[in-house]
Amino acid sequence: MTIIHETDITEVQHPGRFMRWLADEDSLRANNLSACVIRVLPGETVRPAHSHPGGEELIYIITGTGKVMIENEVGNVRAGSAILFEQGKVHMLRNTGNEEMKVICFFAPATGIDNYKTFDDISFPE
């Protein structure tokens, strides 16, 4: 049985978020998926806009409120919201609340940040 706690994983800062990979080649070593937990501070946006050309991502908002952009459509999210980023769809996440947003992200098949396709020219719609 393999059990880890998120605080056992080194947190890495990326633009707009702090990330810990819970299931990747270094932690739980799952074969068919990967997962990370991210923290987004108030007013921050996960950047740059990106997609996952090799698979899909499902995120689940644990705490906080914000907005999500998928292919230039914007929707509101809050604790308890689940959002599917379909394969190849460009997306971003923004914390619009006054508290830290905490999100768990699941990827299938397994991926890592090096496999994201980024779009520096796309901004979160105002």
C-alpha atoms as a PDB file:
ATOM      1  CA  MET A   1       0.000   0.000   0.000  1.00  0.00           C
ATOM      2  CA  THR A   2       1.376   3.386  -0.938  1.00  0.00           C
ATOM      3  CA  ILE A   3       0.133   6.404   0.986  1.00  0.00           C
ATOM      4  CA  ILE A   4       1.547   9.904   0.907  1.00  0.00           C
ATOM      5  CA  HIS A   5       0.482  13.221   2.334  1.00  0.00           C
ATOM      6  CA  GLU A   6       0.668  16.319   0.165  1.00  0.00           C
ATOM      7  CA  THR A   7       3.110  17.926   2.593  1.00  0.00           C
ATOM      8  CA  ASP A   8       5.520  15.043   1.862  1.00  0.00           C
ATOM      9  CA  ILE A   9       5.878  16.425  -1.676  1.00  0.00           C
ATOM     10  CA  THR A  10       8.055  19.436  -2.464  1.00  0.00           C
ATOM     11  CA  GLU A  11       5.928  22.401  -3.538  1.00  0.00           C
ATOM     12  CA  VAL A  12       7.074  24.104  -6.749  1.00  0.00           C
ATOM     13  CA  GLN A  13       6.054  27.619  -7.773  1.00  0.00           C
ATOM     14  CA  HIS A  14       4.812  28.161 -11.320  1.00  0.00           C
ATOM     15  CA  PRO A  15       3.202  31.333 -12.712  1.00  0.00           C
ATOM     16  CA  GLY A  16      -0.002  31.912 -10.749  1.00  0.00           C
ATOM     17  CA  ARG A  17       0.153  28.787  -8.600  1.00  0.00           C
ATOM     18  CA  PHE A  18       2.053  26.548  -6.234  1.00  0.00           C
ATOM     19  CA  MET A  19       2.042  22.882  -7.284  1.00  0.00           C
ATOM     20  CA  ARG A  20       2.694  19.490  -5.683  1.00  0.00           C
ATOM     21  CA  TRP A  21       2.642  16.351  -7.865  1.00  0.00           C
ATOM     22  CA  LEU A  22       0.898  13.643  -5.837  1.00  0.00           C
ATOM     23  CA  ALA A  23       0.948  10.953  -8.511  1.00  0.00           C
ATOM     24  CA  ASP A  24       3.772  11.084 -11.039  1.00  0.00           C
ATOM     25  CA  GLU A  25       6.968   9.190 -11.796  1.00  0.00           C
ATOM     26  CA  ASP A  26       8.488  10.342  -8.485  1.00  0.00           C
ATOM     27  CA  SER A  27       5.645   9.987  -5.993  1.00  0.00           C
ATOM     28  CA  LEU A  28       2.821   7.420  -6.088  1.00  0.00           C
ATOM     29  CA  ARG A  29       4.020   6.073  -9.447  1.00  0.00           C
ATOM     30  CA  ALA A  30       0.562   5.484 -10.955  1.00  0.00           C
ATOM     31  CA  ASN A  31       0.729   3.942 -14.426  1.00  0.00           C
ATOM     32  CA  ASN A  32      -2.314   5.445 -16.135  1.00  0.00           C
ATOM     33  CA  LEU A  33      -2.911   8.814 -14.513  1.00  0.00           C
ATOM     34  CA  SER A  34      -1.167  11.661 -12.778  1.00  0.00           C
ATOM     35  CA  ALA A  35      -2.461  14.098 -10.184  1.00  0.00           C
ATOM     36  CA  CYS A  36      -1.337  17.293  -8.516  1.00  0.00           C
ATOM     37  CA  VAL A  37      -2.691  19.703  -5.958  1.00  0.00           C
ATOM     38  CA  ILE A  38      -2.348  23.425  -6.605  1.00  0.00           C
ATOM     39  CA  ARG A  39      -2.792  26.538  -4.517  1.00  0.00           C
ATOM     40  CA  VAL A  40      -3.842  29.775  -6.246  1.00  0.00           C
ATOM     41  CA  LEU A  41      -3.604  32.934  -4.165  1.00  0.00           C
ATOM     42  CA  PRO A  42      -6.358  35.604  -4.284  1.00  0.00           C
ATOM     43  CA  GLY A  43      -6.220  37.626  -7.495  1.00  0.00           C
ATOM     44  CA  GLU A  44      -3.847  35.196  -9.239  1.00  0.00           C
ATOM     45  CA  THR A  45      -4.383  33.457 -12.578  1.00  0.00           C
ATOM     46  CA  VAL A  46      -2.787  30.147 -13.552  1.00  0.00           C
ATOM     47  CA  ARG A  47      -0.616  31.099 -16.526  1.00  0.00           C
ATOM     48  CA  PRO A  48       0.061  30.810 -19.305  1.00  0.00           C
ATOM     49  CA  ALA A  49      -3.075  29.594 -21.034  1.00  0.00           C
ATOM     50  CA  HIS A  50      -2.424  25.983 -21.941  1.00  0.00           C
ATOM     51  CA  SER A  51      -3.851  22.734 -23.237  1.00  0.00           C
ATOM     52  CA  HIS A  52      -3.076  19.059 -22.902  1.00  0.00           C
ATOM     53  CA  PRO A  53      -2.653  17.649 -26.425  1.00  0.00           C
ATOM     54  CA  GLY A  54      -2.088  14.093 -25.188  1.00  0.00           C
ATOM     55  CA  GLY A  55      -5.020  13.680 -22.808  1.00  0.00           C
ATOM     56  CA  GLU A  56      -7.582  15.329 -20.607  1.00  0.00           C
ATOM     57  CA  GLU A  57      -7.622  16.993 -17.200  1.00  0.00           C
ATOM     58  CA  LEU A  58     -10.316  17.042 -14.552  1.00  0.00           C
ATOM     59  CA  ILE A  59      -9.990  19.585 -11.755  1.00  0.00           C
ATOM     60  CA  TYR A  60     -11.919  19.671  -8.484  1.00  0.00           C
ATOM     61  CA  ILE A  61     -12.085  22.869  -6.435  1.00  0.00           C
ATOM     62  CA  ILE A  62     -11.458  22.023  -2.773  1.00  0.00           C
ATOM     63  CA  THR A  63     -11.560  25.585  -1.401  1.00  0.00           C
ATOM     64  CA  GLY A  64     -12.066  29.039  -2.841  1.00  0.00           C
ATOM     65  CA  THR A  65     -13.984  30.709  -5.652  1.00  0.00           C
ATOM     66  CA  GLY A  66     -13.006  31.852  -9.075  1.00  0.00           C
ATOM     67  CA  LYS A  67     -13.486  31.669 -12.783  1.00  0.00           C
ATOM     68  CA  VAL A  68     -12.399  29.197 -15.406  1.00  0.00           C
ATOM     69  CA  MET A  69     -11.833  29.899 -19.094  1.00  0.00           C
ATOM     70  CA  ILE A  70     -12.130  27.121 -21.656  1.00  0.00           C
ATOM     71  CA  GLU A  71     -11.678  28.084 -25.315  1.00  0.00           C
ATOM     72  CA  ASN A  72     -12.526  31.726 -24.448  1.00  0.00           C
ATOM     73  CA  GLU A  73     -15.764  30.844 -22.604  1.00  0.00           C
ATOM     74  CA  VAL A  74     -15.779  31.861 -18.927  1.00  0.00           C
ATOM     75  CA  GLY A  75     -17.674  30.219 -16.077  1.00  0.00           C
ATOM     76  CA  ASN A  76     -17.829  30.619 -12.297  1.00  0.00           C
ATOM     77  CA  VAL A  77     -16.395  27.937  -9.998  1.00  0.00           C
ATOM     78  CA  ARG A  78     -16.421  27.396  -6.246  1.00  0.00           C
ATOM     79  CA  ALA A  79     -15.584  24.726  -3.706  1.00  0.00           C
ATOM     80  CA  GLY A  80     -17.209  21.516  -4.877  1.00  0.00           C
ATOM     81  CA  SER A  81     -17.034  22.361  -8.606  1.00  0.00           C
ATOM     82  CA  ALA A  82     -15.582  19.778 -11.000  1.00  0.00           C
ATOM     83  CA  ILE A  83     -14.386  20.963 -14.417  1.00  0.00           C
ATOM     84  CA  LEU A  84     -13.302  18.831 -17.368  1.00  0.00           C
ATOM     85  CA  PHE A  85     -10.656  20.239 -19.702  1.00  0.00           C
ATOM     86  CA  GLU A  86     -11.082  18.123 -22.800  1.00  0.00           C
ATOM     87  CA  GLN A  87      -8.050  17.035 -24.777  1.00  0.00           C
ATOM     88  CA  GLY A  88      -6.540  19.962 -26.674  1.00  0.00           C
ATOM     89  CA  LYS A  89      -8.890  22.639 -25.250  1.00  0.00           C
ATOM     90  CA  VAL A  90      -7.105  25.840 -24.167  1.00  0.00           C
ATOM     91  CA  HIS A  91      -7.886  26.766 -20.552  1.00  0.00           C
ATOM     92  CA  MET A  92      -7.006  28.975 -17.584  1.00  0.00           C
ATOM     93  CA  LEU A  93      -8.089  29.265 -13.934  1.00  0.00           C
ATOM     94  CA  ARG A  94      -8.369  32.474 -11.878  1.00  0.00           C
ATOM     95  CA  ASN A  95      -8.938  32.997  -8.156  1.00  0.00           C
ATOM     96  CA  THR A  96     -11.438  35.863  -7.833  1.00  0.00           C
ATOM     97  CA  GLY A  97     -12.096  35.344  -4.132  1.00  0.00           C
ATOM     98  CA  ASN A  98     -10.507  36.632  -0.954  1.00  0.00           C
ATOM     99  CA  GLU A  99      -9.112  33.277   0.185  1.00  0.00           C
ATOM    100  CA  GLU A 100      -6.602  30.839  -1.229  1.00  0.00           C
ATOM    101  CA  MET A 101      -8.035  28.498  -3.841  1.00  0.00           C
ATOM    102  CA  LYS A 102      -6.997  24.863  -3.492  1.00  0.00           C
ATOM    103  CA  VAL A 103      -7.531  22.536  -6.420  1.00  0.00           C
ATOM    104  CA  ILE A 104      -6.745  18.915  -7.187  1.00  0.00           C
ATOM    105  CA  CYS A 105      -5.975  18.154 -10.830  1.00  0.00           C
ATOM    106  CA  PHE A 106      -6.246  14.675 -12.367  1.00  0.00           C
ATOM    107  CA  PHE A 107      -4.706  13.818 -15.756  1.00  0.00           C
ATOM    108  CA  ALA A 108      -5.320  10.792 -17.966  1.00  0.00           C
ATOM    109  CA  PRO A 109      -3.168   9.459 -19.349  1.00  0.00           C
ATOM    110  CA  ALA A 110      -0.350  10.478 -17.022  1.00  0.00           C
ATOM    111  CA  THR A 111       1.392  13.730 -17.895  1.00  0.00           C
ATOM    112  CA  GLY A 112       3.656  16.379 -16.418  1.00  0.00           C
ATOM    113  CA  ILE A 113       4.056  20.123 -16.774  1.00  0.00           C
ATOM    114  CA  ASP A 114       6.639  19.566 -19.532  1.00  0.00           C
ATOM    115  CA  ASN A 115       3.847  18.129 -21.713  1.00  0.00           C
ATOM    116  CA  TYR A 116       1.606  21.208 -21.504  1.00  0.00           C
ATOM    117  CA  LYS A 117       1.154  23.161 -24.730  1.00  0.00           C
ATOM    118  CA  THR A 118       1.323  26.840 -23.772  1.00  0.00           C
ATOM    119  CA  PHE A 119      -0.237  29.916 -25.372  1.00  0.00           C
ATOM    120  CA  ASP A 120       1.529  33.060 -24.128  1.00  0.00           C
ATOM    121  CA  ASP A 121      -0.578  35.284 -26.421  1.00  0.00           C
ATOM    122  CA  ILE A 122      -3.912  34.298 -24.788  1.00  0.00           C
ATOM    123  CA  SER A 123      -5.054  36.274 -21.736  1.00  0.00           C
ATOM    124  CA  PHE A 124      -7.900  35.608 -19.339  1.00  0.00           C
ATOM    125  CA  PRO A 125     -10.960  37.460 -20.706  1.00  0.00           C
ATOM    126  CA  GLU A 126     -11.914  40.457 -18.545  1.00  0.00           C
END
